[in-house]
Amino acid sequence: MTVLVTGGRGHVARAVVDGLLTAGQQVRVASRSPEQAVVPAGVETVRVDLADPQTLPAALDGVTKVFLYADAQGIDGFIKAAEAAGSPHIVLLSTSSLTRENAENNPIAQMHVAVESRLQASALPWTFLRPGTFATNTLQWAPAIRATGTVKAPYPQAHASAIHETDIADIAVRAFTEPGHQGQAYLLSGPESVTQQEQIECLSEATGRPIRLEEVSPEEYRATLSRWGGDNFIDQLLEYLAMWDGKPMPVCPAYTELTGKKGRTYAQWAVDHAADFRPVG
């Protein structure tokens, strides 16, 4: 039996693939550009574009479980194809933002609400993973750190309980390989709340080189974020930073409850990704 992992080029998907292989599962990786996906030896790759339903039947053939990235535009076609393929168990990478106040005004939250609601109304068994801030979001700092050793950002004391992608993958693998997870939704976070300044200090320690955080205005920061997303993404990020400026973010206990272990800290994430922040050559 095969697990289909969509979004195969993403950090979380790659961690899920590694975890499934360690658990002895057969894995098929799906991507819009499978030729660009870096996968372990022996792992099958297949082209999947949720906007093109014709790519789905072959990808779902023989599949009993799917790790799915949320895409509201393609979810109806995916559900139809998955039901026709035998209704595999879906583990959806969702977001904790849909559980917060004013989620109805958050376009990112509403996109995930649309996907969750359609899966709940379908014949497919599902599990929802709802992480908050991804530690990988700070990869946006990598080009500046590599080039100058300085990050320009507002709100240096803004907190995040950022989660390591491998922690998300750990819960996904458990949902696939253990009973009792169907119909469950898990709020996930990292094990501690750390400020942007503390994140920079972790990266400095991990890379072995000084890194400085230079505070700039939110509007100055906005101009540097265009390559990472549209206006909605940038608006939500700036709103988030302002909300948690000087205010520790709550930590979710689900990872420890499900695994019996403490989640990986941001300092550990910085060590694991140190090479991304070091100058090339």
Protein backbone atom coordinates (compact mmCIF):
# COMPACT_ATOMS: atom_id res chain seq x y z
CA MET A 1 0.00 0.00 0.00
CA THR A 2 1.25 3.46 -0.91
CA VAL A 3 1.18 6.89 0.73
CA LEU A 4 0.92 9.81 -1.70
CA VAL A 5 2.71 12.93 -0.44
CA THR A 6 1.70 16.09 -2.27
CA GLY A 7 3.73 19.30 -2.38
CA GLY A 8 6.79 17.13 -2.71
CA ARG A 9 9.25 20.03 -2.95
CA GLY A 10 8.14 21.61 0.34
CA HIS A 11 10.04 21.35 3.62
CA VAL A 12 7.17 19.66 5.46
CA ALA A 13 6.54 17.19 2.64
CA ARG A 14 10.21 16.21 2.53
CA ALA A 15 10.17 15.59 6.27
CA VAL A 16 6.99 13.52 5.91
CA VAL A 17 8.64 11.40 3.20
CA ASP A 18 11.65 10.74 5.43
CA GLY A 19 9.42 9.83 8.35
CA LEU A 20 7.26 7.47 6.31
CA LEU A 21 10.30 5.70 4.88
CA THR A 22 11.69 5.25 8.39
CA ALA A 23 8.32 3.75 9.37
CA GLY A 24 8.58 1.27 6.49
CA GLN A 25 5.88 2.82 4.31
CA GLN A 26 5.90 2.89 0.52
CA VAL A 27 5.89 6.49 -0.68
CA ARG A 28 4.92 8.26 -3.89
CA VAL A 29 5.82 11.95 -4.12
CA ALA A 30 3.57 14.33 -6.06
CA SER A 31 4.57 17.71 -7.38
CA ARG A 32 3.66 20.09 -10.18
CA SER A 33 7.30 19.74 -11.24
CA PRO A 34 8.30 16.22 -10.19
CA GLU A 35 11.53 16.41 -12.17
CA GLN A 36 12.70 19.09 -9.73
CA ALA A 37 11.76 17.18 -6.57
CA VAL A 38 14.70 15.86 -4.59
CA VAL A 39 13.63 12.49 -3.17
CA PRO A 40 15.42 9.53 -1.58
CA ALA A 41 16.49 6.68 -3.82
CA GLY A 42 13.66 4.36 -4.77
CA VAL A 43 10.87 6.87 -4.15
CA GLU A 44 8.47 7.27 -7.06
CA THR A 45 7.60 10.76 -8.28
CA VAL A 46 4.49 11.75 -10.20
CA ARG A 47 3.07 14.96 -11.61
CA VAL A 48 0.01 16.27 -9.78
CA ASP A 49 -1.66 19.61 -10.32
CA LEU A 50 -4.89 20.00 -8.37
CA ALA A 51 -6.03 22.49 -10.98
CA ASP A 52 -5.77 19.70 -13.57
CA PRO A 53 -7.98 16.77 -12.45
CA GLN A 54 -6.61 14.58 -15.26
CA THR A 55 -3.33 14.28 -13.32
CA LEU A 56 -5.05 12.71 -10.30
CA PRO A 57 -6.22 9.16 -11.23
CA ALA A 58 -2.73 7.83 -12.01
CA ALA A 59 -1.26 9.49 -8.92
CA LEU A 60 -3.97 7.97 -6.68
CA ASP A 61 -3.81 4.47 -8.16
CA GLY A 62 -3.10 2.01 -5.34
CA VAL A 63 -2.89 4.79 -2.75
CA THR A 64 -4.42 4.24 0.69
CA LYS A 65 -3.24 7.45 2.38
CA VAL A 66 -2.55 11.02 1.22
CA PHE A 67 -0.60 13.86 2.81
CA LEU A 68 -2.34 16.89 1.34
CA TYR A 69 -1.47 20.57 1.16
CA ALA A 70 -4.57 22.77 1.23
CA ASP A 71 -5.68 24.21 -2.11
CA ALA A 72 -9.25 25.45 -2.14
CA GLN A 73 -9.34 25.88 -5.91
CA GLY A 74 -8.57 22.24 -6.57
CA ILE A 75 -10.13 20.49 -3.59
CA ASP A 76 -13.44 19.49 -5.22
CA GLY A 77 -11.71 17.72 -8.10
CA PHE A 78 -9.30 16.06 -5.69
CA ILE A 79 -12.12 14.76 -3.49
CA LYS A 80 -13.98 13.35 -6.48
CA ALA A 81 -10.86 11.58 -7.73
CA ALA A 82 -9.93 10.29 -4.27
CA GLU A 83 -13.41 8.90 -3.65
CA ALA A 84 -13.27 7.15 -7.02
CA ALA A 85 -9.86 5.72 -6.08
CA GLY A 86 -11.18 4.07 -2.91
CA SER A 87 -11.34 6.89 -0.37
CA PRO A 88 -7.81 6.98 1.06
CA HIS A 89 -7.17 8.51 4.49
CA ILE A 90 -6.29 12.21 4.07
CA VAL A 91 -3.91 13.96 6.45
CA LEU A 92 -4.31 17.66 5.67
CA LEU A 93 -1.72 20.30 6.40
CA SER A 94 -4.02 23.05 7.64
CA THR A 95 -3.37 26.05 9.91
CA SER A 96 -4.08 27.15 13.47
CA SER A 97 -5.12 30.58 12.17
CA LEU A 98 -8.61 29.26 11.42
CA THR A 99 -9.18 28.75 15.17
CA ARG A 100 -8.34 32.34 16.16
CA GLU A 101 -10.60 35.33 16.69
CA ASN A 102 -11.51 37.20 13.52
CA ALA A 103 -10.55 34.18 11.40
CA GLU A 104 -13.35 35.19 9.06
CA ASN A 105 -11.27 38.25 8.12
CA ASN A 106 -8.12 36.24 7.48
CA PRO A 107 -7.91 35.06 3.84
CA ILE A 108 -5.35 32.38 4.68
CA ALA A 109 -7.59 30.99 7.42
CA GLN A 110 -10.63 31.07 5.18
CA MET A 111 -8.85 29.15 2.42
CA HIS A 112 -8.10 26.38 4.91
CA VAL A 113 -11.64 26.50 6.29
CA ALA A 114 -12.93 25.88 2.77
CA VAL A 115 -10.70 22.83 2.34
CA GLU A 116 -11.47 21.38 5.78
CA SER A 117 -15.22 21.81 5.34
CA ARG A 118 -15.21 20.05 1.97
CA LEU A 119 -13.22 17.13 3.35
CA GLN A 120 -15.58 16.85 6.32
CA ALA A 121 -18.54 16.71 3.95
CA SER A 122 -16.92 14.03 1.79
CA ALA A 123 -16.69 10.26 2.13
CA LEU A 124 -12.95 10.50 2.83
CA PRO A 125 -11.47 9.74 6.26
CA TRP A 126 -9.43 12.73 7.41
CA THR A 127 -7.04 14.10 10.01
CA PHE A 128 -6.27 17.82 10.22
CA LEU A 129 -2.87 19.13 11.32
CA ARG A 130 -3.15 22.78 12.36
CA PRO A 131 0.33 24.17 13.00
CA GLY A 132 0.97 27.81 13.80
CA THR A 133 4.10 29.63 12.73
CA PHE A 134 6.57 27.51 10.76
CA ALA A 135 10.22 27.85 11.76
CA THR A 136 10.96 27.69 8.03
CA ASN A 137 9.36 31.13 7.65
CA THR A 138 12.63 32.59 8.89
CA LEU A 139 14.35 31.29 5.75
CA GLN A 140 13.20 34.63 4.32
CA TRP A 141 16.14 36.10 6.28
CA ALA A 142 18.71 33.80 4.68
CA PRO A 143 19.69 35.93 1.64
CA ALA A 144 20.36 39.00 3.79
CA ILE A 145 22.25 37.01 6.41
CA ARG A 146 24.42 35.33 3.79
CA ALA A 147 25.15 38.65 2.09
CA THR A 148 25.52 41.11 4.98
CA GLY A 149 25.04 39.35 8.32
CA THR A 150 22.19 41.76 9.05
CA VAL A 151 18.44 41.24 9.11
CA LYS A 152 16.17 44.26 8.77
CA ALA A 153 12.79 43.66 10.40
CA PRO A 154 10.21 45.39 12.59
CA TYR A 155 9.15 44.29 16.07
CA PRO A 156 12.35 42.59 17.32
CA GLN A 157 10.49 41.53 20.47
CA ALA A 158 7.61 39.89 18.59
CA HIS A 159 7.14 36.31 19.78
CA ALA A 160 6.47 33.06 17.92
CA SER A 161 6.15 29.47 19.10
CA ALA A 162 7.60 28.37 15.77
CA ILE A 163 7.38 24.69 14.90
CA HIS A 164 10.08 22.57 13.27
CA GLU A 165 8.85 20.90 10.07
CA THR A 166 10.00 17.52 11.41
CA ASP A 167 7.61 17.86 14.36
CA ILE A 168 4.73 18.32 11.92
CA ALA A 169 5.95 15.29 9.99
CA ASP A 170 6.13 13.20 13.17
CA ILE A 171 2.42 13.75 13.81
CA ALA A 172 1.54 13.11 10.17
CA VAL A 173 3.38 9.77 10.25
CA ARG A 174 1.61 8.78 13.47
CA ALA A 175 -1.74 9.68 11.94
CA PHE A 176 -0.95 7.39 9.01
CA THR A 177 0.51 4.47 10.97
CA GLU A 178 -1.47 4.37 14.23
CA PRO A 179 -5.20 3.88 14.87
CA GLY A 180 -7.37 6.54 16.44
CA HIS A 181 -6.41 9.64 14.45
CA GLN A 182 -9.18 9.73 11.87
CA GLY A 183 -11.63 12.55 12.51
CA GLN A 184 -9.16 14.40 14.74
CA ALA A 185 -7.77 17.93 14.40
CA TYR A 186 -4.48 18.72 16.15
CA LEU A 187 -3.26 22.21 17.04
CA LEU A 188 0.52 22.20 16.81
CA SER A 189 3.30 24.58 17.82
CA GLY A 190 6.91 24.57 18.83
CA PRO A 191 7.78 23.88 22.50
CA GLU A 192 8.58 27.48 23.47
CA SER A 193 7.85 31.08 22.56
CA VAL A 194 10.88 33.00 21.30
CA THR A 195 11.28 36.54 20.01
CA GLN A 196 12.68 37.53 16.65
CA GLN A 197 15.78 38.80 18.46
CA GLU A 198 16.19 35.42 20.15
CA GLN A 199 15.78 33.66 16.81
CA ILE A 200 18.59 35.79 15.37
CA GLU A 201 20.76 34.85 18.35
CA CYS A 202 20.02 31.16 17.74
CA LEU A 203 21.03 31.53 14.09
CA SER A 204 24.23 33.33 15.09
CA GLU A 205 25.13 30.52 17.48
CA ALA A 206 24.29 27.83 14.92
CA THR A 207 26.26 29.42 12.08
CA GLY A 208 29.21 30.52 14.20
CA ARG A 209 29.09 34.07 12.87
CA PRO A 210 27.69 37.36 14.19
CA ILE A 211 24.21 38.25 12.92
CA ARG A 212 22.53 41.55 13.74
CA LEU A 213 18.83 42.45 13.78
CA GLU A 214 18.29 46.03 12.64
CA GLU A 215 14.83 47.33 13.48
CA VAL A 216 12.96 48.98 10.60
CA SER A 217 9.42 50.27 10.21
CA PRO A 218 6.63 47.92 9.10
CA GLU A 219 6.38 49.77 5.78
CA GLU A 220 10.10 49.41 5.12
CA TYR A 221 9.78 45.71 5.87
CA ARG A 222 6.80 45.35 3.55
CA ALA A 223 8.97 46.39 0.61
CA THR A 224 11.35 43.49 1.24
CA LEU A 225 8.63 40.81 1.40
CA SER A 226 7.15 40.95 -2.09
CA ARG A 227 9.06 37.85 -3.23
CA TRP A 228 7.53 35.81 -0.40
CA GLY A 229 3.86 36.44 -1.07
CA GLY A 230 1.10 38.83 -2.09
CA ASP A 231 -0.42 41.68 -0.15
CA ASN A 232 -2.71 39.40 1.87
CA PHE A 233 0.24 37.36 3.11
CA ILE A 234 2.25 40.47 3.99
CA ASP A 235 -0.71 42.13 5.75
CA GLN A 236 -1.27 39.02 7.87
CA LEU A 237 2.41 38.74 8.77
CA LEU A 238 2.67 42.37 9.87
CA GLU A 239 -0.56 42.11 11.83
CA TYR A 240 0.75 38.96 13.49
CA LEU A 241 4.07 40.59 14.44
CA ALA A 242 2.29 43.60 15.94
CA MET A 243 -0.11 41.38 17.88
CA TRP A 244 2.68 39.38 19.52
CA ASP A 245 5.11 42.25 20.08
CA GLY A 246 6.39 41.77 23.63
CA LYS A 247 3.76 39.10 24.29
CA PRO A 248 4.70 35.39 24.60
CA MET A 249 2.71 33.14 22.31
CA PRO A 250 0.91 30.14 23.80
CA VAL A 251 2.45 26.71 23.31
CA CYS A 252 0.23 23.82 22.19
CA PRO A 253 0.69 20.51 24.06
CA ALA A 254 -0.44 18.13 21.29
CA TYR A 255 3.04 17.12 20.12
CA THR A 256 4.09 16.00 23.60
CA GLU A 257 0.71 14.37 24.27
CA LEU A 258 0.93 12.33 21.07
CA THR A 259 4.63 11.45 21.13
CA GLY A 260 5.63 11.60 24.79
CA LYS A 261 8.54 13.86 23.79
CA LYS A 262 9.28 17.58 23.85
CA GLY A 263 9.14 19.22 20.46
CA ARG A 264 12.24 20.49 18.70
CA THR A 265 13.22 24.02 19.71
CA TYR A 266 13.97 26.89 17.37
CA ALA A 267 17.61 26.58 18.44
CA GLN A 268 17.56 23.00 17.12
CA TRP A 269 15.95 24.16 13.90
CA ALA A 270 18.72 26.75 13.50
CA VAL A 271 21.36 24.02 13.87
CA ASP A 272 19.55 21.81 11.34
CA HIS A 273 19.37 24.68 8.82
CA ALA A 274 22.65 26.45 9.57
CA ALA A 275 23.96 25.81 6.05
CA ASP A 276 21.07 27.83 4.59
CA PHE A 277 22.35 30.93 6.39
CA ARG A 278 26.08 30.60 5.72
CA PRO A 279 27.74 32.40 2.79
CA VAL A 280 28.26 30.19 -0.23
CA GLY A 281 31.92 29.45 -1.06
